[in-house]
């Protein structure tokens, strides 16, 4: 289970929706990501909903916990209806992108890291995007899911820029060490910016000076 801070996920503001939208738009611009209005809207609503702990966690009868992604996938496979299956896959993708983007630090000491969340989230959104949609709701979301599946890692970077944090420069060795532990795409981008080459397609992902 990913531990949650007792404090609010994000510092309070007069309009949470405006705050999230502004930060998402700023991050997509900084990363030169062509974030369309529909995807920005979806992520804004997602963060507004998940800023409430009772929306982010599931109550399984023993208390509020974060359901493992594999459990969402199992429930989706065993769901009695197509509608229920799509809702579970959407929940899987939503939880994966929020955890990978906002709570990657909590995964550092876990056997399942950020790359697992990225892989599961991409797969869930891709499945939703590829399926023929019948309801107007599904058709409206289909393009959003396709964008998130295609650019999942990029949008993880976008969400990782949301929380207010005290910024401080890390030296190159710190960045390399943190990336080797988490393999977070934001760290990979920073290492590349500083001239470190990372072959992210190889099993042995060892950074080296370019």
N, C-alpha and C. Protein backbone atom coordinates (compact mmCIF):
# COMPACT_ATOMS: atom_id res chain seq x y z
N UNK A 1 0.84 -1.19 0.00
CA UNK A 1 0.00 0.00 0.00
C UNK A 1 0.87 1.24 0.00
N UNK A 2 0.55 2.24 -0.81
CA UNK A 2 1.29 3.49 -0.85
C UNK A 2 0.82 4.35 0.31
N UNK A 3 1.74 4.77 1.16
CA UNK A 3 1.37 5.55 2.32
C UNK A 3 0.95 6.94 1.91
N UNK A 4 -0.04 7.52 2.63
CA UNK A 4 -0.55 8.85 2.35
C UNK A 4 -0.18 9.78 3.48
N UNK A 5 0.18 11.00 3.15
CA UNK A 5 0.50 11.99 4.17
C UNK A 5 -0.77 12.42 4.87
N UNK A 6 -0.65 12.82 6.15
CA UNK A 6 -1.81 13.33 6.86
C UNK A 6 -2.22 14.70 6.35
N UNK A 7 -1.28 15.41 5.75
CA UNK A 7 -1.62 16.71 5.19
C UNK A 7 -2.31 16.54 3.86
N UNK A 8 -2.84 17.65 3.34
CA UNK A 8 -3.55 17.59 2.06
C UNK A 8 -2.58 17.21 0.95
N UNK A 9 -3.10 16.56 -0.05
CA UNK A 9 -2.30 16.17 -1.20
C UNK A 9 -1.66 17.39 -1.85
N UNK A 10 -2.42 18.46 -1.97
CA UNK A 10 -1.95 19.71 -2.56
C UNK A 10 -2.31 20.85 -1.61
N UNK A 11 -1.50 21.87 -1.56
CA UNK A 11 -1.81 23.01 -0.72
C UNK A 11 -3.17 23.60 -1.11
N UNK A 12 -4.01 23.97 -0.12
CA UNK A 12 -5.35 24.49 -0.42
C UNK A 12 -5.29 25.76 -1.27
N UNK A 13 -6.29 25.94 -2.09
CA UNK A 13 -6.39 27.15 -2.90
C UNK A 13 -7.85 27.51 -3.02
N UNK A 14 -8.15 28.72 -3.46
CA UNK A 14 -9.53 29.16 -3.52
C UNK A 14 -10.33 28.36 -4.52
N UNK A 15 -9.70 27.92 -5.58
CA UNK A 15 -10.37 27.11 -6.59
C UNK A 15 -9.44 25.98 -7.02
N UNK A 16 -9.70 24.80 -6.49
CA UNK A 16 -8.80 23.67 -6.75
C UNK A 16 -8.75 23.34 -8.23
N UNK A 17 -9.88 23.43 -8.91
CA UNK A 17 -9.91 23.09 -10.33
C UNK A 17 -9.03 24.04 -11.14
N UNK A 18 -9.11 25.34 -10.84
CA UNK A 18 -8.27 26.30 -11.56
C UNK A 18 -6.79 26.06 -11.26
N UNK A 19 -6.49 25.71 -10.00
CA UNK A 19 -5.11 25.46 -9.61
C UNK A 19 -4.54 24.29 -10.40
N UNK A 20 -5.26 23.17 -10.43
CA UNK A 20 -4.77 22.00 -11.14
C UNK A 20 -4.64 22.27 -12.64
N UNK A 21 -5.64 22.91 -13.20
CA UNK A 21 -5.59 23.17 -14.65
C UNK A 21 -4.39 24.05 -14.99
N UNK A 22 -4.16 25.08 -14.19
CA UNK A 22 -3.04 25.98 -14.46
C UNK A 22 -1.72 25.24 -14.39
N UNK A 23 -1.55 24.39 -13.36
CA UNK A 23 -0.29 23.68 -13.21
C UNK A 23 -0.09 22.66 -14.33
N UNK A 24 -1.17 22.02 -14.76
CA UNK A 24 -1.08 21.04 -15.85
C UNK A 24 -0.69 21.74 -17.15
N UNK A 25 -1.34 22.86 -17.44
CA UNK A 25 -1.04 23.62 -18.66
C UNK A 25 0.41 24.10 -18.63
N UNK A 26 0.88 24.58 -17.48
CA UNK A 26 2.27 25.03 -17.36
C UNK A 26 3.24 23.88 -17.61
N UNK A 27 2.93 22.71 -17.03
CA UNK A 27 3.82 21.56 -17.17
C UNK A 27 3.86 21.04 -18.61
N UNK A 28 2.70 20.99 -19.28
CA UNK A 28 2.69 20.52 -20.66
C UNK A 28 3.47 21.47 -21.56
N UNK A 29 3.38 22.78 -21.26
CA UNK A 29 4.14 23.74 -22.04
C UNK A 29 5.63 23.60 -21.81
N UNK A 30 6.03 23.41 -20.56
CA UNK A 30 7.44 23.26 -20.23
C UNK A 30 8.03 22.02 -20.87
N UNK A 31 7.24 20.95 -20.92
CA UNK A 31 7.71 19.70 -21.51
C UNK A 31 7.48 19.66 -23.02
N UNK A 32 6.93 20.74 -23.57
CA UNK A 32 6.62 20.81 -25.00
C UNK A 32 5.71 19.66 -25.43
N UNK A 33 4.76 19.37 -24.57
CA UNK A 33 3.80 18.31 -24.83
C UNK A 33 2.53 18.94 -25.39
N UNK A 34 2.05 18.41 -26.49
CA UNK A 34 0.86 18.96 -27.13
C UNK A 34 -0.38 18.45 -26.41
N UNK A 35 -0.61 18.99 -25.21
CA UNK A 35 -1.76 18.55 -24.42
C UNK A 35 -3.05 19.17 -24.93
N UNK A 36 -3.97 18.35 -25.42
CA UNK A 36 -5.23 18.89 -25.93
C UNK A 36 -6.15 19.24 -24.77
N UNK A 37 -7.15 20.08 -25.07
CA UNK A 37 -8.04 20.57 -24.02
C UNK A 37 -8.78 19.45 -23.32
N UNK A 38 -9.18 18.42 -24.07
CA UNK A 38 -9.94 17.32 -23.47
C UNK A 38 -9.11 16.54 -22.45
N UNK A 39 -7.84 16.29 -22.78
CA UNK A 39 -6.97 15.55 -21.87
C UNK A 39 -6.65 16.39 -20.64
N UNK A 40 -6.41 17.68 -20.84
CA UNK A 40 -6.17 18.59 -19.71
C UNK A 40 -7.39 18.61 -18.80
N UNK A 41 -8.58 18.68 -19.40
CA UNK A 41 -9.82 18.66 -18.61
C UNK A 41 -9.92 17.36 -17.81
N UNK A 42 -9.64 16.22 -18.44
CA UNK A 42 -9.76 14.93 -17.77
C UNK A 42 -8.82 14.85 -16.57
N UNK A 43 -7.56 15.23 -16.76
CA UNK A 43 -6.59 15.16 -15.68
C UNK A 43 -6.94 16.14 -14.56
N UNK A 44 -7.48 17.29 -14.92
CA UNK A 44 -7.90 18.27 -13.92
C UNK A 44 -9.00 17.70 -13.03
N UNK A 45 -10.02 17.09 -13.67
CA UNK A 45 -11.11 16.49 -12.92
C UNK A 45 -10.62 15.32 -12.07
N UNK A 46 -9.69 14.54 -12.63
CA UNK A 46 -9.15 13.39 -11.91
C UNK A 46 -8.45 13.85 -10.63
N UNK A 47 -7.62 14.87 -10.73
CA UNK A 47 -6.90 15.35 -9.55
C UNK A 47 -7.84 15.99 -8.54
N UNK A 48 -8.86 16.69 -9.01
CA UNK A 48 -9.85 17.25 -8.09
C UNK A 48 -10.56 16.14 -7.30
N UNK A 49 -10.94 15.08 -7.99
CA UNK A 49 -11.62 13.97 -7.33
C UNK A 49 -10.69 13.23 -6.37
N UNK A 50 -9.46 12.99 -6.83
CA UNK A 50 -8.54 12.19 -6.02
C UNK A 50 -7.85 13.00 -4.93
N UNK A 51 -8.07 14.32 -4.89
CA UNK A 51 -7.56 15.10 -3.76
C UNK A 51 -8.33 14.78 -2.49
N UNK A 52 -9.49 14.15 -2.66
CA UNK A 52 -10.28 13.66 -1.52
C UNK A 52 -9.86 12.20 -1.27
N UNK A 53 -9.33 11.92 -0.10
CA UNK A 53 -8.80 10.60 0.20
C UNK A 53 -9.83 9.50 0.00
N UNK A 54 -11.10 9.79 0.34
CA UNK A 54 -12.13 8.75 0.23
C UNK A 54 -12.42 8.39 -1.23
N UNK A 55 -12.03 9.26 -2.18
CA UNK A 55 -12.20 8.94 -3.59
C UNK A 55 -11.01 8.16 -4.13
N UNK A 56 -9.84 8.43 -3.57
CA UNK A 56 -8.61 7.81 -4.06
C UNK A 56 -8.45 6.38 -3.55
N UNK A 57 -8.84 6.15 -2.30
CA UNK A 57 -8.69 4.83 -1.69
C UNK A 57 -10.00 4.06 -1.78
N UNK A 58 -9.92 2.75 -1.63
CA UNK A 58 -11.10 1.88 -1.66
C UNK A 58 -11.35 1.32 -0.27
N UNK A 59 -12.61 1.24 0.10
CA UNK A 59 -12.97 0.64 1.39
C UNK A 59 -13.35 -0.81 1.15
N UNK A 60 -12.46 -1.73 1.57
CA UNK A 60 -12.69 -3.15 1.32
C UNK A 60 -13.26 -3.87 2.54
N UNK A 61 -13.76 -3.09 3.50
CA UNK A 61 -14.34 -3.70 4.69
C UNK A 61 -13.38 -3.74 5.87
N UNK A 62 -12.11 -3.58 5.59
CA UNK A 62 -11.11 -3.59 6.67
C UNK A 62 -10.45 -2.23 6.81
N UNK A 63 -11.00 -1.23 6.14
CA UNK A 63 -10.43 0.11 6.17
C UNK A 63 -10.07 0.57 4.78
N UNK A 64 -9.82 1.85 4.65
CA UNK A 64 -9.50 2.43 3.35
C UNK A 64 -8.08 2.08 2.94
N UNK A 65 -7.94 1.44 1.80
CA UNK A 65 -6.62 1.05 1.29
C UNK A 65 -6.55 1.33 -0.22
N UNK A 66 -5.34 1.31 -0.73
CA UNK A 66 -5.13 1.45 -2.17
C UNK A 66 -5.12 0.05 -2.78
N UNK A 67 -6.12 -0.24 -3.60
CA UNK A 67 -6.23 -1.56 -4.22
C UNK A 67 -5.08 -1.79 -5.20
N UNK A 68 -4.41 -2.94 -5.14
CA UNK A 68 -3.33 -3.23 -6.11
C UNK A 68 -3.86 -3.21 -7.54
N UNK A 69 -3.02 -2.75 -8.46
CA UNK A 69 -3.44 -2.67 -9.87
C UNK A 69 -3.80 -4.04 -10.42
N UNK A 70 -3.07 -5.07 -10.00
CA UNK A 70 -3.36 -6.42 -10.48
C UNK A 70 -4.76 -6.87 -10.05
N UNK A 71 -5.21 -6.37 -8.90
CA UNK A 71 -6.55 -6.72 -8.44
C UNK A 71 -7.62 -6.05 -9.29
N UNK A 72 -7.40 -4.79 -9.66
CA UNK A 72 -8.32 -4.13 -10.59
C UNK A 72 -8.39 -4.89 -11.91
N UNK A 73 -7.24 -5.34 -12.38
CA UNK A 73 -7.20 -6.08 -13.65
C UNK A 73 -7.95 -7.39 -13.54
N UNK A 74 -7.76 -8.09 -12.42
CA UNK A 74 -8.48 -9.36 -12.20
C UNK A 74 -9.98 -9.11 -12.17
N UNK A 75 -10.41 -8.10 -11.44
CA UNK A 75 -11.84 -7.81 -11.34
C UNK A 75 -12.41 -7.41 -12.70
N UNK A 76 -11.61 -6.71 -13.51
CA UNK A 76 -12.08 -6.33 -14.84
C UNK A 76 -12.29 -7.56 -15.71
N UNK A 77 -11.36 -8.51 -15.64
CA UNK A 77 -11.50 -9.74 -16.42
C UNK A 77 -12.72 -10.55 -16.01
N UNK A 78 -13.04 -10.51 -14.72
CA UNK A 78 -14.13 -11.33 -14.18
C UNK A 78 -15.44 -10.56 -14.08
N UNK A 79 -15.48 -9.32 -14.55
CA UNK A 79 -16.68 -8.50 -14.41
C UNK A 79 -17.84 -9.09 -15.21
N UNK A 80 -19.04 -8.86 -14.70
CA UNK A 80 -20.23 -9.45 -15.31
C UNK A 80 -20.72 -8.67 -16.53
N UNK A 81 -20.32 -7.43 -16.66
CA UNK A 81 -20.80 -6.61 -17.77
C UNK A 81 -19.66 -5.83 -18.40
N UNK A 82 -19.85 -5.44 -19.63
CA UNK A 82 -18.85 -4.64 -20.34
C UNK A 82 -18.68 -3.29 -19.68
N UNK A 83 -19.79 -2.71 -19.23
CA UNK A 83 -19.74 -1.40 -18.58
C UNK A 83 -18.88 -1.46 -17.31
N UNK A 84 -19.11 -2.47 -16.50
CA UNK A 84 -18.34 -2.63 -15.26
C UNK A 84 -16.86 -2.84 -15.58
N UNK A 85 -16.59 -3.62 -16.61
CA UNK A 85 -15.20 -3.88 -17.01
C UNK A 85 -14.50 -2.59 -17.40
N UNK A 86 -15.18 -1.75 -18.17
CA UNK A 86 -14.58 -0.49 -18.59
C UNK A 86 -14.33 0.43 -17.39
N UNK A 87 -15.25 0.46 -16.46
CA UNK A 87 -15.06 1.30 -15.27
C UNK A 87 -13.85 0.84 -14.46
N UNK A 88 -13.66 -0.46 -14.35
CA UNK A 88 -12.52 -0.99 -13.59
C UNK A 88 -11.20 -0.70 -14.30
N UNK A 89 -11.18 -0.83 -15.63
CA UNK A 89 -9.98 -0.51 -16.37
C UNK A 89 -9.67 0.99 -16.29
N UNK A 90 -10.71 1.81 -16.32
CA UNK A 90 -10.50 3.25 -16.17
C UNK A 90 -9.94 3.56 -14.79
N UNK A 91 -10.48 2.91 -13.76
CA UNK A 91 -9.96 3.10 -12.40
C UNK A 91 -8.50 2.67 -12.32
N UNK A 92 -8.17 1.56 -12.96
CA UNK A 92 -6.78 1.08 -12.98
C UNK A 92 -5.86 2.14 -13.59
N UNK A 93 -6.24 2.64 -14.77
CA UNK A 93 -5.42 3.65 -15.43
C UNK A 93 -5.30 4.92 -14.62
N UNK A 94 -6.41 5.34 -14.03
CA UNK A 94 -6.42 6.57 -13.24
C UNK A 94 -5.52 6.46 -12.01
N UNK A 95 -5.65 5.37 -11.28
CA UNK A 95 -4.81 5.17 -10.09
C UNK A 95 -3.34 5.08 -10.48
N UNK A 96 -3.06 4.38 -11.58
CA UNK A 96 -1.68 4.21 -12.02
C UNK A 96 -1.02 5.54 -12.34
N UNK A 97 -1.72 6.41 -13.05
CA UNK A 97 -1.10 7.68 -13.45
C UNK A 97 -0.95 8.62 -12.27
N UNK A 98 -1.89 8.59 -11.33
CA UNK A 98 -1.80 9.45 -10.15
C UNK A 98 -0.66 8.99 -9.23
N UNK A 99 -0.57 7.69 -8.98
CA UNK A 99 0.49 7.18 -8.11
C UNK A 99 1.87 7.40 -8.73
N UNK A 100 2.00 7.08 -10.01
CA UNK A 100 3.29 7.25 -10.68
C UNK A 100 3.70 8.72 -10.75
N UNK A 101 2.72 9.60 -10.90
CA UNK A 101 3.02 11.01 -11.01
C UNK A 101 3.24 11.71 -9.69
N UNK A 102 2.40 11.41 -8.69
CA UNK A 102 2.43 12.16 -7.45
C UNK A 102 3.08 11.44 -6.27
N UNK A 103 3.10 10.11 -6.31
CA UNK A 103 3.57 9.36 -5.15
C UNK A 103 4.72 8.41 -5.48
N UNK A 104 5.50 8.75 -6.50
CA UNK A 104 6.59 7.86 -6.90
C UNK A 104 7.60 7.66 -5.78
N UNK A 105 7.77 8.67 -4.93
CA UNK A 105 8.72 8.54 -3.83
C UNK A 105 8.35 7.44 -2.87
N UNK A 106 7.04 7.19 -2.71
CA UNK A 106 6.59 6.14 -1.81
C UNK A 106 6.84 4.75 -2.38
N UNK A 107 7.17 4.68 -3.68
CA UNK A 107 7.42 3.38 -4.32
C UNK A 107 8.88 2.98 -4.27
N UNK A 108 9.75 3.88 -3.79
CA UNK A 108 11.19 3.63 -3.83
C UNK A 108 11.59 2.33 -3.16
N UNK A 109 10.95 2.05 -2.04
CA UNK A 109 11.34 0.85 -1.28
C UNK A 109 10.36 -0.31 -1.49
N UNK A 110 9.53 -0.19 -2.51
CA UNK A 110 8.56 -1.25 -2.81
C UNK A 110 9.10 -2.16 -3.91
N UNK A 111 8.71 -3.44 -3.89
CA UNK A 111 9.16 -4.34 -4.95
C UNK A 111 8.59 -3.97 -6.32
N UNK A 112 7.46 -3.27 -6.32
CA UNK A 112 6.84 -2.83 -7.57
C UNK A 112 7.07 -1.34 -7.70
N UNK A 113 7.77 -0.92 -8.77
CA UNK A 113 8.16 0.47 -8.91
C UNK A 113 7.34 1.23 -9.93
N UNK A 114 7.84 2.41 -10.29
CA UNK A 114 7.13 3.30 -11.19
C UNK A 114 6.92 2.67 -12.57
N UNK A 115 7.90 1.93 -13.06
CA UNK A 115 7.78 1.34 -14.40
C UNK A 115 6.60 0.38 -14.48
N UNK A 116 6.31 -0.32 -13.38
CA UNK A 116 5.16 -1.23 -13.34
C UNK A 116 3.86 -0.43 -13.47
N UNK A 117 3.76 0.68 -12.73
CA UNK A 117 2.56 1.50 -12.79
C UNK A 117 2.38 2.10 -14.19
N UNK A 118 3.47 2.50 -14.80
CA UNK A 118 3.40 3.05 -16.15
C UNK A 118 2.92 1.99 -17.14
N UNK A 119 3.47 0.80 -17.04
CA UNK A 119 3.09 -0.28 -17.95
C UNK A 119 1.62 -0.65 -17.80
N UNK A 120 1.16 -0.79 -16.55
CA UNK A 120 -0.24 -1.15 -16.30
C UNK A 120 -1.19 -0.05 -16.74
N UNK A 121 -0.82 1.20 -16.46
CA UNK A 121 -1.68 2.32 -16.85
C UNK A 121 -1.80 2.46 -18.35
N UNK A 122 -0.67 2.36 -19.04
CA UNK A 122 -0.68 2.41 -20.51
C UNK A 122 -1.60 1.34 -21.07
N UNK A 123 -1.46 0.12 -20.56
CA UNK A 123 -2.24 -1.01 -21.07
C UNK A 123 -3.74 -0.81 -20.85
N UNK A 124 -4.10 -0.32 -19.66
CA UNK A 124 -5.52 -0.12 -19.36
C UNK A 124 -6.14 0.93 -20.28
N UNK A 125 -5.47 2.07 -20.42
CA UNK A 125 -6.00 3.13 -21.27
C UNK A 125 -6.02 2.70 -22.74
N UNK A 126 -4.99 1.94 -23.17
CA UNK A 126 -4.95 1.48 -24.56
C UNK A 126 -6.11 0.55 -24.86
N UNK A 127 -6.44 -0.33 -23.92
CA UNK A 127 -7.57 -1.24 -24.10
C UNK A 127 -8.87 -0.46 -24.24
N UNK A 128 -9.05 0.55 -23.39
CA UNK A 128 -10.26 1.37 -23.45
C UNK A 128 -10.33 2.15 -24.77
N UNK A 129 -9.19 2.60 -25.25
CA UNK A 129 -9.17 3.38 -26.49
C UNK A 129 -9.46 2.51 -27.71
N UNK A 130 -9.04 1.25 -27.67
CA UNK A 130 -9.17 0.36 -28.83
C UNK A 130 -10.54 -0.27 -28.96
N UNK A 131 -11.27 -0.35 -27.87
CA UNK A 131 -12.58 -1.00 -27.91
C UNK A 131 -13.61 -0.14 -28.63
N UNK A 132 -14.49 -0.80 -29.37
CA UNK A 132 -15.60 -0.10 -30.01
C UNK A 132 -16.54 0.42 -28.92
N UNK A 133 -16.87 1.70 -28.99
CA UNK A 133 -17.69 2.32 -27.96
C UNK A 133 -19.13 2.46 -28.42
N UNK A 134 -20.04 2.18 -27.51
CA UNK A 134 -21.46 2.27 -27.84
C UNK A 134 -22.11 3.48 -27.17
N UNK A 135 -21.80 3.72 -25.89
CA UNK A 135 -22.43 4.83 -25.19
C UNK A 135 -21.76 6.15 -25.56
N UNK A 136 -22.49 7.25 -25.42
CA UNK A 136 -21.94 8.57 -25.73
C UNK A 136 -20.81 8.91 -24.78
N UNK A 137 -20.90 8.44 -23.53
CA UNK A 137 -19.85 8.70 -22.55
C UNK A 137 -18.54 8.04 -22.99
N UNK A 138 -18.63 6.76 -23.39
CA UNK A 138 -17.44 6.04 -23.82
C UNK A 138 -16.81 6.68 -25.05
N UNK A 139 -17.65 7.10 -25.99
CA UNK A 139 -17.12 7.72 -27.21
C UNK A 139 -16.42 9.04 -26.89
N UNK A 140 -16.98 9.79 -25.94
CA UNK A 140 -16.37 11.06 -25.56
C UNK A 140 -15.00 10.87 -24.91
N UNK A 141 -14.85 9.78 -24.17
CA UNK A 141 -13.60 9.52 -23.45
C UNK A 141 -12.56 8.78 -24.30
N UNK A 142 -12.98 8.19 -25.39
CA UNK A 142 -12.10 7.32 -26.16
C UNK A 142 -10.84 8.04 -26.65
N UNK A 143 -11.01 9.27 -27.16
CA UNK A 143 -9.86 10.03 -27.63
C UNK A 143 -8.91 10.39 -26.50
N UNK A 144 -9.48 10.68 -25.32
CA UNK A 144 -8.66 11.00 -24.15
C UNK A 144 -7.83 9.79 -23.74
N UNK A 145 -8.47 8.63 -23.72
CA UNK A 145 -7.75 7.41 -23.34
C UNK A 145 -6.64 7.10 -24.34
N UNK A 146 -6.89 7.35 -25.61
CA UNK A 146 -5.86 7.11 -26.62
C UNK A 146 -4.65 8.01 -26.39
N UNK A 147 -4.91 9.28 -26.08
CA UNK A 147 -3.82 10.21 -25.80
C UNK A 147 -3.02 9.78 -24.57
N UNK A 148 -3.73 9.40 -23.51
CA UNK A 148 -3.05 9.00 -22.28
C UNK A 148 -2.26 7.71 -22.46
N UNK A 149 -2.78 6.80 -23.27
CA UNK A 149 -2.07 5.55 -23.52
C UNK A 149 -0.80 5.80 -24.33
N UNK A 150 -0.89 6.67 -25.32
CA UNK A 150 0.25 6.96 -26.19
C UNK A 150 1.34 7.74 -25.46
N UNK A 151 0.93 8.69 -24.63
CA UNK A 151 1.88 9.60 -23.98
C UNK A 151 1.85 9.44 -22.45
N UNK A 152 1.66 8.22 -21.98
CA UNK A 152 1.48 8.00 -20.54
C UNK A 152 2.66 8.53 -19.74
N UNK A 153 3.88 8.18 -20.14
CA UNK A 153 5.07 8.61 -19.40
C UNK A 153 5.18 10.13 -19.37
N UNK A 154 4.82 10.78 -20.48
CA UNK A 154 4.87 12.24 -20.52
C UNK A 154 3.88 12.84 -19.53
N UNK A 155 2.69 12.27 -19.44
CA UNK A 155 1.71 12.81 -18.51
C UNK A 155 2.03 12.45 -17.06
N UNK A 156 2.78 11.38 -16.83
CA UNK A 156 3.31 11.12 -15.49
C UNK A 156 4.24 12.27 -15.09
N UNK A 157 5.05 12.72 -16.04
CA UNK A 157 5.93 13.86 -15.77
C UNK A 157 5.12 15.12 -15.48
N UNK A 158 4.04 15.30 -16.21
CA UNK A 158 3.18 16.46 -15.99
C UNK A 158 2.64 16.45 -14.56
N UNK A 159 2.12 15.32 -14.12
CA UNK A 159 1.55 15.24 -12.78
C UNK A 159 2.63 15.38 -11.70
N UNK A 160 3.83 14.93 -12.00
CA UNK A 160 4.90 15.03 -11.01
C UNK A 160 5.30 16.47 -10.76
N UNK A 161 4.91 17.38 -11.66
CA UNK A 161 5.21 18.81 -11.50
C UNK A 161 4.13 19.53 -10.72
N UNK A 162 3.06 18.84 -10.32
CA UNK A 162 1.93 19.49 -9.67
C UNK A 162 2.21 19.90 -8.22
N UNK A 163 2.70 18.99 -7.35
CA UNK A 163 2.83 19.36 -5.93
C UNK A 163 3.80 20.51 -5.72
N UNK A 164 3.48 21.33 -4.74
CA UNK A 164 4.38 22.41 -4.36
C UNK A 164 5.50 21.82 -3.52
N UNK A 165 6.71 21.99 -3.97
CA UNK A 165 7.87 21.43 -3.27
C UNK A 165 8.96 22.48 -3.19
N UNK A 166 9.81 22.36 -2.18
CA UNK A 166 10.98 23.22 -2.09
C UNK A 166 11.98 22.71 -3.10
N UNK A 167 12.33 23.54 -4.08
CA UNK A 167 13.24 23.08 -5.12
C UNK A 167 14.68 23.19 -4.64
N UNK A 168 15.48 22.22 -4.96
CA UNK A 168 16.90 22.28 -4.67
C UNK A 168 17.63 21.48 -5.72
N UNK A 169 18.80 21.95 -6.06
CA UNK A 169 19.58 21.28 -7.09
C UNK A 169 20.21 20.01 -6.52
N UNK A 170 20.13 18.96 -7.28
CA UNK A 170 20.78 17.71 -6.89
C UNK A 170 22.00 17.51 -7.79
N UNK A 171 23.06 16.95 -7.18
CA UNK A 171 24.22 16.71 -8.03
C UNK A 171 23.96 15.49 -8.91
N UNK A 172 24.83 15.29 -9.88
CA UNK A 172 24.61 14.28 -10.90
C UNK A 172 24.53 12.88 -10.30
N UNK A 173 25.38 12.59 -9.33
CA UNK A 173 25.38 11.25 -8.72
C UNK A 173 24.07 10.99 -7.98
N UNK A 174 23.52 12.02 -7.33
CA UNK A 174 22.24 11.86 -6.65
C UNK A 174 21.13 11.54 -7.65
N UNK A 175 21.15 12.25 -8.78
CA UNK A 175 20.14 12.02 -9.80
C UNK A 175 20.23 10.61 -10.38
N UNK A 176 21.47 10.17 -10.67
CA UNK A 176 21.67 8.83 -11.21
C UNK A 176 21.19 7.78 -10.21
N UNK A 177 21.55 7.96 -8.94
CA UNK A 177 21.16 7.00 -7.91
C UNK A 177 19.64 6.94 -7.77
N UNK A 178 19.00 8.12 -7.77
CA UNK A 178 17.54 8.15 -7.62
C UNK A 178 16.86 7.53 -8.84
N UNK A 179 17.40 7.79 -10.05
CA UNK A 179 16.79 7.20 -11.24
C UNK A 179 16.94 5.69 -11.25
N UNK A 180 18.10 5.18 -10.84
CA UNK A 180 18.31 3.73 -10.80
C UNK A 180 17.34 3.05 -9.84
N UNK A 181 16.93 3.77 -8.79
CA UNK A 181 15.99 3.21 -7.81
C UNK A 181 14.54 3.30 -8.27
N UNK A 182 14.21 4.37 -9.01
CA UNK A 182 12.81 4.61 -9.35
C UNK A 182 12.51 4.49 -10.84
N UNK A 183 13.51 4.80 -11.71
CA UNK A 183 13.32 4.85 -13.16
C UNK A 183 12.16 5.76 -13.55
N UNK A 184 12.03 6.87 -12.81
CA UNK A 184 10.97 7.82 -13.10
C UNK A 184 11.32 8.64 -14.34
N UNK A 185 10.37 8.84 -15.26
CA UNK A 185 10.67 9.55 -16.51
C UNK A 185 11.13 10.99 -16.31
N UNK A 186 10.70 11.64 -15.23
CA UNK A 186 11.15 13.00 -14.97
C UNK A 186 12.65 13.04 -14.70
N UNK A 187 13.14 12.06 -13.95
CA UNK A 187 14.57 11.99 -13.67
C UNK A 187 15.36 11.65 -14.93
N UNK A 188 14.80 10.79 -15.76
CA UNK A 188 15.47 10.44 -17.02
C UNK A 188 15.63 11.68 -17.90
N UNK A 189 14.60 12.51 -17.95
CA UNK A 189 14.66 13.73 -18.75
C UNK A 189 15.74 14.68 -18.21
N UNK A 190 15.82 14.81 -16.88
CA UNK A 190 16.81 15.70 -16.29
C UNK A 190 18.23 15.19 -16.54
N UNK A 191 18.42 13.87 -16.46
CA UNK A 191 19.74 13.30 -16.73
C UNK A 191 20.14 13.55 -18.18
N UNK A 192 19.20 13.38 -19.10
CA UNK A 192 19.51 13.65 -20.51
C UNK A 192 19.87 15.11 -20.72
N UNK A 193 19.16 16.01 -19.98
CA UNK A 193 19.44 17.44 -20.09
C UNK A 193 20.87 17.75 -19.64
N UNK A 194 21.37 16.97 -18.66
CA UNK A 194 22.71 17.20 -18.15
C UNK A 194 23.77 16.38 -18.89
N UNK A 195 23.39 15.77 -20.00
CA UNK A 195 24.37 15.09 -20.83
C UNK A 195 24.61 13.64 -20.49
N UNK A 196 23.67 13.03 -19.74
CA UNK A 196 23.80 11.61 -19.40
C UNK A 196 22.90 10.81 -20.33
N UNK A 197 23.47 9.84 -21.03
CA UNK A 197 22.71 9.01 -21.96
C UNK A 197 22.10 7.83 -21.23
N UNK A 198 20.80 7.60 -21.44
CA UNK A 198 20.10 6.47 -20.82
C UNK A 198 19.42 5.67 -21.91
N UNK A 199 19.80 4.40 -22.04
CA UNK A 199 19.13 3.52 -22.99
C UNK A 199 17.99 2.85 -22.27
N UNK A 200 16.78 3.45 -22.34
CA UNK A 200 15.63 2.97 -21.58
C UNK A 200 14.99 1.73 -22.20
N UNK A 201 15.48 1.30 -23.36
CA UNK A 201 14.91 0.12 -24.01
C UNK A 201 15.66 -1.16 -23.67
N UNK A 202 16.77 -1.01 -22.96
CA UNK A 202 17.56 -2.18 -22.61
C UNK A 202 17.22 -2.65 -21.21
N UNK A 203 17.39 -3.97 -20.97
CA UNK A 203 17.12 -4.51 -19.65
C UNK A 203 18.11 -3.98 -18.62
N UNK A 204 19.37 -3.85 -19.05
CA UNK A 204 20.39 -3.32 -18.16
C UNK A 204 20.50 -1.82 -18.39
N UNK A 205 19.69 -1.05 -17.66
CA UNK A 205 19.56 0.37 -17.89
C UNK A 205 20.61 1.13 -17.07
N UNK A 206 21.80 1.19 -17.58
CA UNK A 206 22.89 1.84 -16.86
C UNK A 206 23.19 3.18 -17.51
N UNK A 207 23.01 4.30 -16.78
CA UNK A 207 23.32 5.62 -17.36
C UNK A 207 24.81 5.76 -17.61
N UNK A 208 25.16 6.53 -18.62
CA UNK A 208 26.57 6.81 -18.87
C UNK A 208 26.67 8.21 -19.46
N UNK A 209 27.80 8.84 -19.23
CA UNK A 209 28.00 10.17 -19.77
C UNK A 209 28.06 10.11 -21.28
N UNK A 210 27.34 11.03 -21.90
CA UNK A 210 27.26 11.05 -23.37
C UNK A 210 28.39 11.92 -23.93
